[in-house]
PDB file of N, CA and C in Angstrom:
ATOM      1  N   MET A   1      92.153-122.432 -34.377  1.00  0.00           N
ATOM      2  CA  MET A   1      93.338-122.792 -33.978  1.00  0.00           C
ATOM      3  C   MET A   1      93.568-122.003 -33.240  1.00  0.00           C
ATOM      4  N   GLN A   2      93.677-120.569 -34.183  1.00  0.00           N
ATOM      5  CA  GLN A   2      93.777-119.118 -33.698  1.00  0.00           C
ATOM      6  C   GLN A   2      92.482-118.598 -32.591  1.00  0.00           C
ATOM      7  N   VAL A   3      91.214-119.040 -32.898  1.00  0.00           N
ATOM      8  CA  VAL A   3      90.126-119.346 -31.952  1.00  0.00           C
ATOM      9  C   VAL A   3      90.964-119.132 -30.192  1.00  0.00           C
ATOM     10  N   PHE A   4      91.086-120.162 -29.926  1.00  0.00           N
ATOM     11  CA  PHE A   4      91.754-121.372 -28.822  1.00  0.00           C
ATOM     12  C   PHE A   4      92.780-120.390 -28.193  1.00  0.00           C
ATOM     13  N   GLN A   5      93.337-119.713 -29.168  1.00  0.00           N
ATOM     14  CA  GLN A   5      94.685-118.888 -28.795  1.00  0.00           C
ATOM     15  C   GLN A   5      93.663-117.620 -28.326  1.00  0.00           C
ATOM     16  N   ALA A   6      92.609-117.059 -28.579  1.00  0.00           N
ATOM     17  CA  ALA A   6      92.292-115.414 -28.352  1.00  0.00           C
ATOM     18  C   ALA A   6      91.878-115.743 -27.247  1.00  0.00           C
ATOM     19  N   ILE A   7      90.981-117.322 -27.211  1.00  0.00           N
ATOM     20  CA  ILE A   7      90.550-117.653 -25.760  1.00  0.00           C
ATOM     21  C   ILE A   7      91.075-117.517 -24.164  1.00  0.00           C
ATOM     22  N   LEU A   8      91.852-118.599 -25.055  1.00  0.00           N
ATOM     23  CA  LEU A   8      92.867-118.856 -24.040  1.00  0.00           C
ATOM     24  C   LEU A   8      94.319-118.174 -23.753  1.00  0.00           C
ATOM     25  N   LEU A   9      94.833-116.787 -24.021  1.00  0.00           N
ATOM     26  CA  LEU A   9      95.796-115.906 -23.924  1.00  0.00           C
ATOM     27  C   LEU A   9      95.481-114.845 -23.943  1.00  0.00           C
ATOM     28  N   GLY A  10      94.676-114.177 -25.093  1.00  0.00           N
ATOM     29  CA  GLY A  10      94.012-113.218 -24.530  1.00  0.00           C
ATOM     30  C   GLY A  10      93.363-112.386 -23.780  1.00  0.00           C
ATOM     31  N   PRO A  11      92.521-112.960 -21.954  1.00  0.00           N
ATOM     32  CA  PRO A  11      92.960-112.375 -21.545  1.00  0.00           C
ATOM     33  C   PRO A  11      94.280-112.295 -20.958  1.00  0.00           C
ATOM     34  N   THR A  12      95.174-113.275 -20.574  1.00  0.00           N
ATOM     35  CA  THR A  12      96.104-113.065 -19.223  1.00  0.00           C
ATOM     36  C   THR A  12      97.396-112.686 -19.967  1.00  0.00           C
ATOM     37  N   LEU A  13      97.629-111.970 -21.280  1.00  0.00           N
ATOM     38  CA  LEU A  13      99.030-111.329 -22.282  1.00  0.00           C
ATOM     39  C   LEU A  13      98.233-110.163 -22.270  1.00  0.00           C
ATOM     40  N   ALA A  14      99.718-109.487 -23.067  1.00  0.00           N
ATOM     41  CA  ALA A  14      99.143-108.144 -22.832  1.00  0.00           C
ATOM     42  C   ALA A  14      99.428-108.204 -24.450  1.00  0.00           C
ATOM     43  N   PRO A  15      98.694-106.711 -24.975  1.00  0.00           N
ATOM     44  CA  PRO A  15      97.703-106.883 -26.343  1.00  0.00           C
ATOM     45  C   PRO A  15      98.809-106.602 -27.468  1.00  0.00           C
ATOM     46  N   LEU A  16     100.382-105.915 -27.344  1.00  0.00           N
ATOM     47  CA  LEU A  16     101.331-105.893 -28.528  1.00  0.00           C
ATOM     48  C   LEU A  16     101.800-107.517 -28.185  1.00  0.00           C
ATOM     49  N   ALA A  17     102.164-108.363 -27.801  1.00  0.00           N
ATOM     50  CA  ALA A  17     102.915-109.310 -27.215  1.00  0.00           C
ATOM     51  C   ALA A  17     101.803-111.409 -27.554  1.00  0.00           C
ATOM     52  N   GLY A  18     101.831-110.623 -28.544  1.00  0.00           N
ATOM     53  CA  GLY A  18     101.027-111.422 -29.581  1.00  0.00           C
ATOM     54  C   GLY A  18     102.459-112.653 -31.132  1.00  0.00           C
ATOM     55  N   GLY A  19     103.097-111.455 -30.509  1.00  0.00           N
ATOM     56  CA  GLY A  19     103.542-112.661 -31.348  1.00  0.00           C
ATOM     57  C   GLY A  19     104.791-113.579 -30.019  1.00  0.00           C
ATOM     58  N   LYS A  20     105.045-113.556 -29.142  1.00  0.00           N
ATOM     59  CA  LYS A  20     104.814-114.046 -27.951  1.00  0.00           C
ATOM     60  C   LYS A  20     104.203-114.844 -27.465  1.00  0.00           C
ATOM     61  N   ALA A  21     102.970-114.768 -27.067  1.00  0.00           N
ATOM     62  CA  ALA A  21     101.611-115.439 -26.886  1.00  0.00           C
ATOM     63  C   ALA A  21     101.405-116.917 -27.941  1.00  0.00           C
ATOM     64  N   GLN A  22     102.010-116.117 -29.152  1.00  0.00           N
ATOM     65  CA  GLN A  22     101.342-117.966 -29.700  1.00  0.00           C
ATOM     66  C   GLN A  22     102.636-118.643 -29.773  1.00  0.00           C
ATOM     67  N   SER A  23     104.401-118.239 -29.124  1.00  0.00           N
ATOM     68  CA  SER A  23     105.111-119.750 -28.801  1.00  0.00           C
ATOM     69  C   SER A  23     104.545-120.316 -28.326  1.00  0.00           C
ATOM     70  N   TYR A  24     104.460-118.936 -27.077  1.00  0.00           N
ATOM     71  CA  TYR A  24     103.487-120.165 -26.386  1.00  0.00           C
ATOM     72  C   TYR A  24     102.993-121.329 -25.881  1.00  0.00           C
ATOM     73  N   PHE A  25     101.682-120.556 -27.190  1.00  0.00           N
ATOM     74  CA  PHE A  25     100.768-121.527 -27.302  1.00  0.00           C
ATOM     75  C   PHE A  25     101.277-122.723 -27.976  1.00  0.00           C
ATOM     76  N   TYR A  26     101.560-122.641 -29.075  1.00  0.00           N
ATOM     77  CA  TYR A  26     102.711-124.170 -29.664  1.00  0.00           C
ATOM     78  C   TYR A  26     103.703-124.550 -28.437  1.00  0.00           C
ATOM     79  N   PHE A  27     104.070-123.813 -27.722  1.00  0.00           N
ATOM     80  CA  PHE A  27     104.886-125.232 -27.309  1.00  0.00           C
ATOM     81  C   PHE A  27     103.737-125.672 -25.549  1.00  0.00           C
ATOM     82  N   LEU A  28     102.980-124.974 -25.382  1.00  0.00           N
ATOM     83  CA  LEU A  28     101.286-125.907 -24.138  1.00  0.00           C
ATOM     84  C   LEU A  28     101.277-127.185 -25.811  1.00  0.00           C
ATOM     85  N   PHE A  29     100.870-126.198 -26.263  1.00  0.00           N
ATOM     86  CA  PHE A  29     100.060-127.572 -27.735  1.00  0.00           C
ATOM     87  C   PHE A  29     101.014-128.679 -27.519  1.00  0.00           C
ATOM     88  N   PHE A  30     102.325-128.455 -27.816  1.00  0.00           N
ATOM     89  CA  PHE A  30     103.102-129.693 -28.546  1.00  0.00           C
ATOM     90  C   PHE A  30     103.395-130.856 -27.944  1.00  0.00           C
ATOM     91  N   SER A  31     103.358-129.643 -25.992  1.00  0.00           N
ATOM     92  CA  SER A  31     104.309-130.762 -25.095  1.00  0.00           C
ATOM     93  C   SER A  31     102.463-131.887 -24.926  1.00  0.00           C
ATOM     94  N   LEU A  32     102.037-130.806 -24.965  1.00  0.00           N
ATOM     95  CA  LEU A  32     100.805-131.751 -24.100  1.00  0.00           C
ATOM     96  C   LEU A  32      99.917-132.788 -25.537  1.00  0.00           C
ATOM     97  N   LEU A  33     100.376-132.767 -26.432  1.00  0.00           N
ATOM     98  CA  LEU A  33     100.331-133.110 -27.150  1.00  0.00           C
ATOM     99  C   LEU A  33     101.801-135.120 -27.287  1.00  0.00           C
ATOM    100  N   SER A  34     102.984-134.640 -26.487  1.00  0.00           N
ATOM    101  CA  SER A  34     103.438-135.253 -26.633  1.00  0.00           C
ATOM    102  C   SER A  34     103.612-135.688 -24.929  1.00  0.00           C
ATOM    103  N   VAL A  35     102.243-135.629 -24.442  1.00  0.00           N
ATOM    104  CA  VAL A  35     102.579-136.388 -23.819  1.00  0.00           C
ATOM    105  C   VAL A  35     101.166-137.472 -23.525  1.00  0.00           C
ATOM    106  N   GLY A  36     100.466-137.124 -24.706  1.00  0.00           N
ATOM    107  CA  GLY A  36      99.248-137.355 -24.696  1.00  0.00           C
ATOM    108  C   GLY A  36      99.708-138.726 -25.830  1.00  0.00           C
ATOM    109  N   LEU A  37     100.443-138.791 -25.956  1.00  0.00           N
ATOM    110  CA  LEU A  37     100.699-140.065 -26.913  1.00  0.00           C
ATOM    111  C   LEU A  37     101.764-140.981 -26.456  1.00  0.00           C
ATOM    112  N   ALA A  38     102.955-139.947 -25.357  1.00  0.00           N
ATOM    113  CA  ALA A  38     103.194-141.436 -24.485  1.00  0.00           C
ATOM    114  C   ALA A  38     102.299-142.053 -23.496  1.00  0.00           C
ATOM    115  N   ALA A  39     101.550-141.320 -23.381  1.00  0.00           N
ATOM    116  CA  ALA A  39     100.376-141.938 -22.231  1.00  0.00           C
ATOM    117  C   ALA A  39      99.888-142.816 -23.056  1.00  0.00           C
ATOM    118  N   HIS A  40      99.228-143.122 -23.874  1.00  0.00           N
ATOM    119  CA  HIS A  40      98.430-143.919 -24.859  1.00  0.00           C
ATOM    120  C   HIS A  40      98.999-144.984 -25.532  1.00  0.00           C
ATOM    121  N   TYR A  41     100.165-144.723 -25.214  1.00  0.00           N
ATOM    122  CA  TYR A  41     101.301-145.605 -26.469  1.00  0.00           C
ATOM    123  C   TYR A  41     102.218-146.390 -25.261  1.00  0.00           C
ATOM    124  N   TYR A  42     102.486-145.310 -24.662  1.00  0.00           N
ATOM    125  CA  TYR A  42     103.406-146.349 -23.251  1.00  0.00           C
ATOM    126  C   TYR A  42     102.850-145.969 -22.159  1.00  0.00           C
ATOM    127  N   SER A  43     103.572-146.349 -21.516  1.00  0.00           N
ATOM    128  CA  SER A  43     102.733-146.091 -19.769  1.00  0.00           C
ATOM    129  C   SER A  43     103.321-144.871 -18.849  1.00  0.00           C
ATOM    130  N   TRP A  44     103.114-144.585 -17.990  1.00  0.00           N
ATOM    131  CA  TRP A  44     103.695-143.211 -17.670  1.00  0.00           C
ATOM    132  C   TRP A  44     104.787-142.910 -17.333  1.00  0.00           C
ATOM    133  N   ARG A  45     104.821-144.055 -16.094  1.00  0.00           N
ATOM    134  CA  ARG A  45     106.289-143.987 -15.756  1.00  0.00           C
ATOM    135  C   ARG A  45     107.067-144.094 -16.840  1.00  0.00           C
ATOM    136  N   PHE A  46     106.354-144.356 -19.211  1.00  0.00           N
ATOM    137  CA  PHE A  46     107.433-143.718 -19.767  1.00  0.00           C
ATOM    138  C   PHE A  46     108.321-142.715 -19.454  1.00  0.00           C
ATOM    139  N   MET A  47     106.660-141.699 -19.257  1.00  0.00           N
ATOM    140  CA  MET A  47     107.786-140.729 -19.502  1.00  0.00           C
ATOM    141  C   MET A  47     107.744-140.058 -18.551  1.00  0.00           C
ATOM    142  N   GLN A  48     107.914-140.314 -17.254  1.00  0.00           N
ATOM    143  CA  GLN A  48     108.845-140.136 -16.192  1.00  0.00           C
ATOM    144  C   GLN A  48     109.989-139.765 -16.230  1.00  0.00           C
ATOM    145  N   LEU A  49     110.709-141.599 -16.650  1.00  0.00           N
ATOM    146  CA  LEU A  49     111.630-141.676 -17.157  1.00  0.00           C
ATOM    147  C   LEU A  49     111.811-141.460 -18.603  1.00  0.00           C
ATOM    148  N   PHE A  50     111.040-140.733 -19.057  1.00  0.00           N
ATOM    149  CA  PHE A  50     111.856-139.407 -20.314  1.00  0.00           C
ATOM    150  C   PHE A  50     112.016-138.540 -19.703  1.00  0.00           C
ATOM    151  N   LEU A  51     111.291-137.583 -19.176  1.00  0.00           N
ATOM    152  CA  LEU A  51     110.734-136.358 -18.342  1.00  0.00           C
ATOM    153  C   LEU A  51     113.411-136.800 -17.196  1.00  0.00           C
ATOM    154  N   GLY A  52     112.769-137.651 -16.664  1.00  0.00           N
ATOM    155  CA  GLY A  52     114.552-137.993 -15.622  1.00  0.00           C
ATOM    156  C   GLY A  52     115.407-136.631 -16.585  1.00  0.00           C
ATOM    157  N   LEU A  53     115.644-138.542 -18.048  1.00  0.00           N
ATOM    158  CA  LEU A  53     117.045-138.573 -18.092  1.00  0.00           C
ATOM    159  C   LEU A  53     117.154-136.833 -18.979  1.00  0.00           C
ATOM    160  N   VAL A  54     115.804-136.415 -19.787  1.00  0.00           N
ATOM    161  CA  VAL A  54     115.481-134.591 -20.280  1.00  0.00           C
ATOM    162  C   VAL A  54     116.431-134.289 -19.078  1.00  0.00           C
ATOM    163  N   ALA A  55     116.112-134.463 -18.156  1.00  0.00           N
ATOM    164  CA  ALA A  55     116.496-133.516 -16.626  1.00  0.00           C
ATOM    165  C   ALA A  55     117.948-133.352 -16.469  1.00  0.00           C
ATOM    166  N   LEU A  56     118.360-135.225 -16.414  1.00  0.00           N
ATOM    167  CA  LEU A  56     119.820-135.335 -16.417  1.00  0.00           C
ATOM    168  C   LEU A  56     121.225-134.935 -17.576  1.00  0.00           C
ATOM    169  N   LEU A  57     120.203-134.865 -18.401  1.00  0.00           N
ATOM    170  CA  LEU A  57     120.863-134.590 -19.378  1.00  0.00           C
ATOM    171  C   LEU A  57     121.350-132.851 -19.919  1.00  0.00           C
ATOM    172  N   VAL A  58     119.989-132.020 -19.348  1.00  0.00           N
ATOM    173  CA  VAL A  58     119.801-130.691 -19.097  1.00  0.00           C
ATOM    174  C   VAL A  58     120.908-130.695 -18.293  1.00  0.00           C
ATOM    175  N   PHE A  59     121.046-131.317 -16.737  1.00  0.00           N
ATOM    176  CA  PHE A  59     122.058-130.743 -15.477  1.00  0.00           C
ATOM    177  C   PHE A  59     123.626-130.256 -16.485  1.00  0.00           C
ATOM    178  N   PHE A  60     123.940-131.900 -17.039  1.00  0.00           N
ATOM    179  CA  PHE A  60     125.020-132.115 -18.003  1.00  0.00           C
ATOM    180  C   PHE A  60     125.258-130.419 -18.739  1.00  0.00           C
ATOM    181  N   ILE A  61     124.297-130.803 -19.100  1.00  0.00           N
ATOM    182  CA  ILE A  61     125.360-129.451 -20.390  1.00  0.00           C
ATOM    183  C   ILE A  61     125.474-128.383 -19.529  1.00  0.00           C
ATOM    184  N   ILE A  62     124.492-127.920 -18.651  1.00  0.00           N
ATOM    185  CA  ILE A  62     124.894-126.871 -18.306  1.00  0.00           C
ATOM    186  C   ILE A  62     125.492-126.948 -16.916  1.00  0.00           C
ATOM    187  N   ILE A  63     125.869-128.454 -16.188  1.00  0.00           N
ATOM    188  CA  ILE A  63     127.536-128.333 -15.393  1.00  0.00           C
ATOM    189  C   ILE A  63     128.576-128.136 -16.293  1.00  0.00           C
ATOM    190  N   PHE A  64     128.798-128.441 -17.468  1.00  0.00           N
ATOM    191  CA  PHE A  64     129.904-128.375 -18.773  1.00  0.00           C
ATOM    192  C   PHE A  64     130.477-127.268 -19.991  1.00  0.00           C
ATOM    193  N   PHE A  65     129.455-126.804 -20.478  1.00  0.00           N
ATOM    194  CA  PHE A  65     129.120-126.165 -20.405  1.00  0.00           C
ATOM    195  C   PHE A  65     128.533-124.204 -20.510  1.00  0.00           C
ATOM    196  N   LEU A  66     128.488-124.050 -19.723  1.00  0.00           N
ATOM    197  CA  LEU A  66     127.582-122.940 -18.577  1.00  0.00           C
ATOM    198  C   LEU A  66     129.385-122.276 -18.152  1.00  0.00           C
ATOM    199  N   PRO A  67     129.228-121.154 -18.453  1.00  0.00           N
ATOM    200  CA  PRO A  67     130.991-121.081 -17.961  1.00  0.00           C
ATOM    201  C   PRO A  67     131.024-119.932 -16.343  1.00  0.00           C
ATOM    202  N   GLU A  68     131.690-119.699 -15.299  1.00  0.00           N
ATOM    203  CA  GLU A  68     132.117-119.238 -14.845  1.00  0.00           C
ATOM    204  C   GLU A  68     131.189-117.196 -14.877  1.00  0.00           C
ATOM    205  N   THR A  69     130.271-117.559 -14.106  1.00  0.00           N
ATOM    206  CA  THR A  69     129.790-116.501 -13.590  1.00  0.00           C
ATOM    207  C   THR A  69     130.667-114.733 -12.857  1.00  0.00           C
ATOM    208  N   SER A  70     132.157-115.331 -11.707  1.00  0.00           N
ATOM    209  CA  SER A  70     132.697-114.619 -11.011  1.00  0.00           C
ATOM    210  C   SER A  70     133.973-113.684 -12.375  1.00  0.00           C
ATOM    211  N   HIS A  71     133.959-112.734 -11.009  1.00  0.00           N
ATOM    212  CA  HIS A  71     134.331-111.414 -11.887  1.00  0.00           C
ATOM    213  C   HIS A  71     135.915-111.575 -12.391  1.00  0.00           C
ATOM    214  N   PRO A  72     136.465-111.834 -13.133  1.00  0.00           N
ATOM    215  CA  PRO A  72     138.492-112.027 -13.086  1.00  0.00           C
ATOM    216  C   PRO A  72     139.218-111.055 -11.744  1.00  0.00           C
ATOM    217  N   ASN A  73     139.836-111.464 -10.733  1.00  0.00           N
ATOM    218  CA  ASN A  73     141.163-110.531 -10.225  1.00  0.00           C
ATOM    219  C   ASN A  73     139.925-109.950  -9.044  1.00  0.00           C
ATOM    220  N   LYS A  74     139.097-111.067  -8.385  1.00  0.00           N
ATOM    221  CA  LYS A  74     137.917-110.258  -7.723  1.00  0.00           C
ATOM    222  C   LYS A  74     138.049-110.853  -6.182  1.00  0.00           C
ATOM    223  N   ARG A  75     138.799-111.847  -6.182  1.00  0.00           N
ATOM    224  CA  ARG A  75     138.359-113.242  -5.790  1.00  0.00           C
ATOM    225  C   ARG A  75     140.049-113.973  -4.827  1.00  0.00           C
ATOM    226  N   GLY A  76     140.685-112.926  -5.602  1.00  0.00           N
ATOM    227  CA  GLY A  76     141.602-113.622  -5.320  1.00  0.00           C
ATOM    228  C   GLY A  76     142.551-115.154  -6.028  1.00  0.00           C
ATOM    229  N   VAL A  77     141.154-115.460  -6.599  1.00  0.00           N
ATOM    230  CA  VAL A  77     141.727-117.060  -6.632  1.00  0.00           C
ATOM    231  C   VAL A  77     142.432-117.439  -8.088  1.00  0.00           C
ATOM    232  N   ASP A  78     142.116-116.433  -8.753  1.00  0.00           N
ATOM    233  CA  ASP A  78     143.557-115.846  -9.794  1.00  0.00           C
ATOM    234  C   ASP A  78     144.495-115.907 -10.081  1.00  0.00           C
ATOM    235  N   ASN A  79     145.146-115.614  -9.279  1.00  0.00           N
ATOM    236  CA  ASN A  79     146.746-115.723  -9.008  1.00  0.00           C
ATOM    237  C   ASN A  79     147.297-117.224  -8.143  1.00  0.00           C
ATOM    238  N   LEU A  80     146.862-117.928  -7.884  1.00  0.00           N
ATOM    239  CA  LEU A  80     146.937-118.990  -6.921  1.00  0.00           C
ATOM    240  C   LEU A  80     147.366-119.979  -8.637  1.00  0.00           C
ATOM    241  N   ASP A  81     147.674-121.278  -7.924  1.00  0.00           N
ATOM    242  CA  ASP A  81     148.753-121.825  -9.487  1.00  0.00           C
ATOM    243  C   ASP A  81     148.112-122.989  -9.187  1.00  0.00           C
ATOM    244  N   PRO A  82     147.063-123.518 -10.351  1.00  0.00           N
ATOM    245  CA  PRO A  82     145.873-124.467 -11.316  1.00  0.00           C
ATOM    246  C   PRO A  82     145.403-125.760 -10.663  1.00  0.00           C
ATOM    247  N   GLY A  83     147.642-125.505 -10.171  1.00  0.00           N
ATOM    248  CA  GLY A  83     148.148-126.928 -10.497  1.00  0.00           C
ATOM    249  C   GLY A  83     147.428-127.095  -8.951  1.00  0.00           C
ATOM    250  N   LEU A  84     147.403-126.265  -8.001  1.00  0.00           N
ATOM    251  CA  LEU A  84     147.264-126.896  -6.461  1.00  0.00           C
ATOM    252  C   LEU A  84     146.134-127.164  -6.064  1.00  0.00           C
ATOM    253  N   LEU A  85     145.019-126.428  -6.561  1.00  0.00           N
ATOM    254  CA  LEU A  85     143.892-126.284  -6.504  1.00  0.00           C
ATOM    255  C   LEU A  85     143.306-126.985  -6.676  1.00  0.00           C
ATOM    256  N   PRO A  86     142.167-128.062  -6.044  1.00  0.00           N
ATOM    257  CA  PRO A  86     142.011-128.965  -6.191  1.00  0.00           C
ATOM    258  C   PRO A  86     140.355-129.064  -7.855  1.00  0.00           C
ATOM    259  N   LYS A  87     140.305-129.768  -8.422  1.00  0.00           N
ATOM    260  CA  LYS A  87     139.171-129.925  -9.604  1.00  0.00           C
ATOM    261  C   LYS A  87     137.263-129.923  -8.470  1.00  0.00           C
ATOM    262  N   TRP A  88     137.564-130.142  -7.799  1.00  0.00           N
ATOM    263  CA  TRP A  88     136.403-130.216  -7.525  1.00  0.00           C
ATOM    264  C   TRP A  88     135.249-129.562  -5.955  1.00  0.00           C
ATOM    265  N   ARG A  89     135.302-129.063  -6.042  1.00  0.00           N
ATOM    266  CA  ARG A  89     135.368-128.886  -4.107  1.00  0.00           C
ATOM    267  C   ARG A  89     133.332-128.950  -3.322  1.00  0.00           C
ATOM    268  N   PRO A  90     133.403-128.967  -2.808  1.00  0.00           N
ATOM    269  CA  PRO A  90     131.239-128.697  -1.981  1.00  0.00           C
ATOM    270  C   PRO A  90     131.271-128.426  -1.570  1.00  0.00           C
ATOM    271  N   VAL A  91     130.133-126.935  -1.784  1.00  0.00           N
ATOM    272  CA  VAL A  91     129.211-125.623  -1.737  1.00  0.00           C
ATOM    273  C   VAL A  91     128.671-126.557  -0.481  1.00  0.00           C
ATOM    274  N   MET A  92     129.073-125.535   0.572  1.00  0.00           N
ATOM    275  CA  MET A  92     127.596-126.567   2.458  1.00  0.00           C
ATOM    276  C   MET A  92     126.767-125.289   2.262  1.00  0.00           C
ATOM    277  N   LEU A  93     125.923-125.131   2.449  1.00  0.00           N
ATOM    278  CA  LEU A  93     125.370-124.790   1.864  1.00  0.00           C
ATOM    279  C   LEU A  93     123.915-124.560   4.214  1.00  0.00           C
ATOM    280  N   ASN A  94     124.006-123.836   4.476  1.00  0.00           N
ATOM    281  CA  ASN A  94     123.381-123.782   5.733  1.00  0.00           C
ATOM    282  C   ASN A  94     121.675-123.314   6.503  1.00  0.00           C
ATOM    283  N   PRO A  95     120.743-125.064   6.261  1.00  0.00           N
ATOM    284  CA  PRO A  95     119.332-124.088   5.971  1.00  0.00           C
ATOM    285  C   PRO A  95     119.355-123.574   7.214  1.00  0.00           C
ATOM    286  N   LEU A  96     119.478-123.119   8.039  1.00  0.00           N
ATOM    287  CA  LEU A  96     118.784-122.272   8.948  1.00  0.00           C
ATOM    288  C   LEU A  96     119.501-120.704   8.851  1.00  0.00           C
ATOM    289  N   GLN A  97     119.951-120.209   8.260  1.00  0.00           N
ATOM    290  CA  GLN A  97     120.650-119.498   8.341  1.00  0.00           C
ATOM    291  C   GLN A  97     119.775-118.054   8.237  1.00  0.00           C
ATOM    292  N   PRO A  98     118.795-117.828   7.203  1.00  0.00           N
ATOM    293  CA  PRO A  98     117.616-117.791   6.779  1.00  0.00           C
ATOM    294  C   PRO A  98     116.869-116.824   8.598  1.00  0.00           C
ATOM    295  N   PHE A  99     116.857-117.772   9.505  1.00  0.00           N
ATOM    296  CA  PHE A  99     116.181-117.423  10.667  1.00  0.00           C
ATOM    297  C   PHE A  99     116.606-116.335  11.453  1.00  0.00           C
ATOM    298  N   TRP A 100     118.443-116.068  10.511  1.00  0.00           N
ATOM    299  CA  TRP A 100     118.828-114.534  11.139  1.00  0.00           C
ATOM    300  C   TRP A 100     118.092-113.049  10.529  1.00  0.00           C
ATOM    301  N   LEU A 101     116.947-113.909   9.735  1.00  0.00           N
ATOM    302  CA  LEU A 101     116.801-112.664   9.150  1.00  0.00           C
ATOM    303  C   LEU A 101     114.954-112.168  10.750  1.00  0.00           C
ATOM    304  N   LEU A 102     115.127-113.444  11.406  1.00  0.00           N
ATOM    305  CA  LEU A 102     113.419-112.678  12.460  1.00  0.00           C
ATOM    306  C   LEU A 102     113.846-112.027  13.545  1.00  0.00           C
ATOM    307  N   ARG A 103     116.084-111.590  13.568  1.00  0.00           N
ATOM    308  CA  ARG A 103     116.406-110.641  14.454  1.00  0.00           C
ATOM    309  C   ARG A 103     115.158-109.340  14.525  1.00  0.00           C
ATOM    310  N   SER A 104     114.876-108.880  12.743  1.00  0.00           N
ATOM    311  CA  SER A 104     114.554-107.726  13.029  1.00  0.00           C
ATOM    312  C   SER A 104     113.529-107.945  13.529  1.00  0.00           C
ATOM    313  N   PRO A 105     113.150-106.578  14.694  1.00  0.00           N
ATOM    314  CA  PRO A 105     111.491-105.701  14.157  1.00  0.00           C
ATOM    315  C   PRO A 105     110.684-106.264  13.515  1.00  0.00           C
ATOM    316  N   ASN A 106     110.499-106.194  12.814  1.00  0.00           N
ATOM    317  CA  ASN A 106     110.166-105.871  11.790  1.00  0.00           C
ATOM    318  C   ASN A 106     109.816-106.504  11.172  1.00  0.00           C
ATOM    319  N   VAL A 107     110.137-107.546  10.608  1.00  0.00           N
ATOM    320  CA  VAL A 107     110.135-108.945  10.097  1.00  0.00           C
ATOM    321  C   VAL A 107     109.568-109.743  11.245  1.00  0.00           C
ATOM    322  N   LEU A 108     109.875-110.042  11.951  1.00  0.00           N
ATOM    323  CA  LEU A 108     109.425-110.902  13.308  1.00  0.00           C
ATOM    324  C   LEU A 108     107.894-109.844  12.922  1.00  0.00           C
ATOM    325  N   ALA A 109     108.524-108.998  13.382  1.00  0.00           N
ATOM    326  CA  ALA A 109     106.025-108.482  13.504  1.00  0.00           C
ATOM    327  C   ALA A 109     105.086-109.287  12.439  1.00  0.00           C
ATOM    328  N   VAL A 110     105.581-108.870  11.481  1.00  0.00           N
ATOM    329  CA  VAL A 110     105.741-109.744  10.113  1.00  0.00           C
ATOM    330  C   VAL A 110     104.531-110.625  10.005  1.00  0.00           C
ATOM    331  N   VAL A 111     105.844-111.930  10.359  1.00  0.00           N
ATOM    332  CA  VAL A 111     105.777-113.191  10.334  1.00  0.00           C
ATOM    333  C   VAL A 111     104.707-114.074  11.376  1.00  0.00           C
ATOM    334  N   ARG A 112     104.911-113.244  13.120  1.00  0.00           N
ATOM    335  CA  ARG A 112     103.942-113.905  14.261  1.00  0.00           C
ATOM    336  C   ARG A 112     102.501-112.979  13.250  1.00  0.00           C
ATOM    337  N   ILE A 113     102.172-112.256  13.114  1.00  0.00           N
ATOM    338  CA  ILE A 113     100.663-111.702  12.394  1.00  0.00           C
ATOM    339  C   ILE A 113     100.435-113.006  11.550  1.00  0.00           C
ATOM    340  N   ILE A 114     101.620-112.875  10.630  1.00  0.00           N
ATOM    341  CA  ILE A 114     100.825-113.616   9.443  1.00  0.00           C
ATOM    342  C   ILE A 114     100.300-115.457  10.161  1.00  0.00           C
ATOM    343  N   PHE A 115     101.198-115.830  11.572  1.00  0.00           N
ATOM    344  CA  PHE A 115     101.139-117.120  11.679  1.00  0.00           C
ATOM    345  C   PHE A 115      99.555-117.214  12.312  1.00  0.00           C
ATOM    346  N   SER A 116      99.496-116.375  13.975  1.00  0.00           N
ATOM    347  CA  SER A 116      98.372-115.924  14.096  1.00  0.00           C
ATOM    348  C   SER A 116      97.327-115.883  13.016  1.00  0.00           C
ATOM    349  N   LEU A 117      97.214-115.240  12.075  1.00  0.00           N
ATOM    350  CA  LEU A 117      96.083-115.098  11.495  1.00  0.00           C
ATOM    351  C   LEU A 117      95.771-116.555  10.430  1.00  0.00           C
ATOM    352  N   PHE A 118      96.895-117.189   9.845  1.00  0.00           N
ATOM    353  CA  PHE A 118      96.794-118.917   9.608  1.00  0.00           C
ATOM    354  C   PHE A 118      95.821-119.438  10.843  1.00  0.00           C
ATOM    355  N   SER A 119      96.190-118.474  12.135  1.00  0.00           N
ATOM    356  CA  SER A 119      96.249-120.420  12.942  1.00  0.00           C
ATOM    357  C   SER A 119      94.900-119.364  13.273  1.00  0.00           C
ATOM    358  N   ALA A 120      94.482-118.752  13.016  1.00  0.00           N
ATOM    359  CA  ALA A 120      92.934-118.393  13.111  1.00  0.00           C
ATOM    360  C   ALA A 120      91.608-119.158  12.559  1.00  0.00           C
ATOM    361  N   ILE A 121      92.777-118.892  10.947  1.00  0.00           N
ATOM    362  CA  ILE A 121      90.771-119.209  10.298  1.00  0.00           C
ATOM    363  C   ILE A 121      92.408-120.660   9.918  1.00  0.00           C
ATOM    364  N   SER A 122      91.836-121.005  10.712  1.00  0.00           N
ATOM    365  CA  SER A 122      93.072-123.071  10.756  1.00  0.00           C
ATOM    366  C   SER A 122      91.443-123.552  11.472  1.00  0.00           C
ATOM    367  N   ARG A 123      91.910-122.448  12.497  1.00  0.00           N
ATOM    368  CA  ARG A 123      90.920-122.971  13.957  1.00  0.00           C
ATOM    369  C   ARG A 123      89.119-122.934  13.700  1.00  0.00           C
ATOM    370  N   THR A 124      88.560-122.062  12.676  1.00  0.00           N
ATOM    371  CA  THR A 124      87.721-122.057  12.021  1.00  0.00           C
ATOM    372  C   THR A 124      86.998-122.825  12.496  1.00  0.00           C
TER     373      THR A 124
END
């Protein structure tokens, strides 16, 4: 087993990170073992269902147990009456907002160079 660890993890990690590398190896080993057993005795659909349920469980654990990271008395919300605030508010994200970065001439030049290189490569 240690020979496989040395072969697989030796070139990729620093020499002083041996304990960390060993834990990575055992995590990979047991994850591959569990996936192989699930695929052998059940179907790949079972493994996808299991991964989905685990992701849902982790999502709810994060929602309910991860504390708020805003600093007290910085936003002014702390002075409001908690009874007046809604329990949940949606967050509106604008997916087109990063396009404002293209107004900078430097960023626009880099993006144009990258796109022209990719278009030249794809034509050949």
